[in-house]
Amino acid sequence: MLMLGAKDGGGMTTKIRFDNEQAPCGRVIGGERARDRDDDCLLMDHVRYDCGCSRLHDEFHDGSMRLRVVHHSGKIIMDELDAGE
């Protein structure tokens, strides 16, 4: 696990390497997860798989949430924005 230093907004990014997680393409593969909390985004959880797929999940202070899933071919599988309450 790699913890990067605090930013101006007081957030801290944590990067974790993982193995054997199912990517959006269906492959069971390794990759890297980056998590961050800061003043603009309550939670940022971005996963990049070794095959090139990605899953981005952001939760904001106003209660809104965004989930974007991208296949390694570049095709967007899911791109949702929930406005929250």
Protein backbone atom coordinates (compact mmCIF):
# COMPACT_ATOMS: atom_id res chain seq x y z
CA MET A 1 0.00 0.00 0.00
CA LEU A 2 1.23 3.49 -0.87
CA MET A 3 -0.04 6.54 1.01
CA LEU A 4 0.65 9.81 -0.74
CA GLY A 5 0.94 13.08 1.16
CA ALA A 6 -1.89 15.41 2.14
CA LYS A 7 -3.02 17.94 -0.42
CA ASP A 8 -4.07 21.56 0.15
CA GLY A 9 -7.63 20.42 0.90
CA GLY A 10 -6.40 18.04 3.58
CA GLY A 11 -7.13 14.89 1.57
CA MET A 12 -4.87 11.88 1.29
CA THR A 13 -4.57 9.50 -1.64
CA THR A 14 -4.07 5.80 -0.96
CA LYS A 15 -2.94 3.54 -3.80
CA ILE A 16 -3.25 -0.22 -3.40
CA ARG A 17 -2.03 -2.89 -5.83
CA PHE A 18 -4.32 -5.94 -6.07
CA ASP A 19 -4.37 -9.33 -7.81
CA ASN A 20 -7.22 -11.54 -8.98
CA GLU A 21 -10.17 -9.15 -9.15
CA GLN A 22 -12.77 -9.39 -11.91
CA ALA A 23 -12.46 -6.54 -14.42
CA PRO A 24 -15.45 -5.17 -16.37
CA CYS A 25 -14.38 -7.31 -19.38
CA GLY A 26 -14.74 -10.47 -17.28
CA ARG A 27 -11.05 -11.24 -16.90
CA VAL A 28 -9.74 -12.00 -13.42
CA ILE A 29 -6.67 -9.80 -13.32
CA GLY A 30 -4.55 -7.46 -11.20
CA GLY A 31 -4.58 -3.70 -11.08
CA GLU A 32 -4.41 -0.64 -8.86
CA ARG A 33 -7.01 1.11 -6.70
CA ALA A 34 -6.64 4.79 -5.79
CA ARG A 35 -8.80 6.23 -2.99
CA ASP A 36 -8.95 9.86 -1.99
CA ARG A 37 -11.02 12.15 0.19
CA ASP A 38 -10.85 15.91 -0.17
CA ASP A 39 -12.83 19.16 0.07
CA ASP A 40 -14.55 18.81 -3.32
CA CYS A 41 -15.22 15.07 -3.45
CA LEU A 42 -16.21 13.20 -0.31
CA LEU A 43 -14.88 9.94 -1.74
CA MET A 44 -13.02 9.04 -4.91
CA ASP A 45 -12.44 5.35 -5.64
CA HIS A 46 -10.76 4.76 -9.01
CA VAL A 47 -9.75 1.26 -10.12
CA ARG A 48 -7.49 0.66 -13.12
CA TYR A 49 -7.08 -2.95 -14.24
CA ASP A 50 -3.95 -4.29 -15.96
CA CYS A 51 -6.03 -5.11 -19.07
CA GLY A 52 -6.94 -1.41 -19.46
CA CYS A 53 -10.49 -1.52 -18.04
CA SER A 54 -11.44 1.01 -15.37
CA ARG A 55 -14.14 1.62 -12.75
CA LEU A 56 -14.51 5.16 -11.35
CA HIS A 57 -16.77 5.86 -8.37
CA ASP A 58 -17.09 9.36 -6.91
CA GLU A 59 -19.35 10.48 -4.04
CA PHE A 60 -19.78 14.21 -3.45
CA HIS A 61 -20.68 16.27 -0.37
CA ASP A 62 -24.06 17.22 -1.84
CA GLY A 63 -25.06 13.54 -1.85
CA SER A 64 -24.60 13.02 -5.58
CA MET A 65 -22.68 10.04 -6.90
CA ARG A 66 -21.08 9.13 -10.24
CA LEU A 67 -20.19 5.66 -11.46
CA ARG A 68 -18.33 5.15 -14.75
CA VAL A 69 -17.19 1.75 -16.01
CA VAL A 70 -15.01 1.52 -19.13
CA HIS A 71 -14.02 -1.64 -21.06
CA HIS A 72 -10.37 -1.89 -22.13
CA SER A 73 -11.52 -1.38 -25.74
CA GLY A 74 -12.62 2.14 -24.75
CA LYS A 75 -16.34 1.33 -24.79
CA ILE A 76 -18.22 2.95 -21.91
CA ILE A 77 -20.21 0.20 -20.22
CA MET A 78 -21.84 2.40 -17.59
CA ASP A 79 -21.91 6.14 -16.94
CA GLU A 80 -24.41 7.09 -14.27
CA LEU A 81 -24.91 10.24 -12.25
CA ASP A 82 -27.23 10.06 -9.25
CA ALA A 83 -28.18 13.56 -8.12
CA GLY A 84 -28.65 12.39 -4.54
CA GLU A 85 -31.27 14.01 -2.34
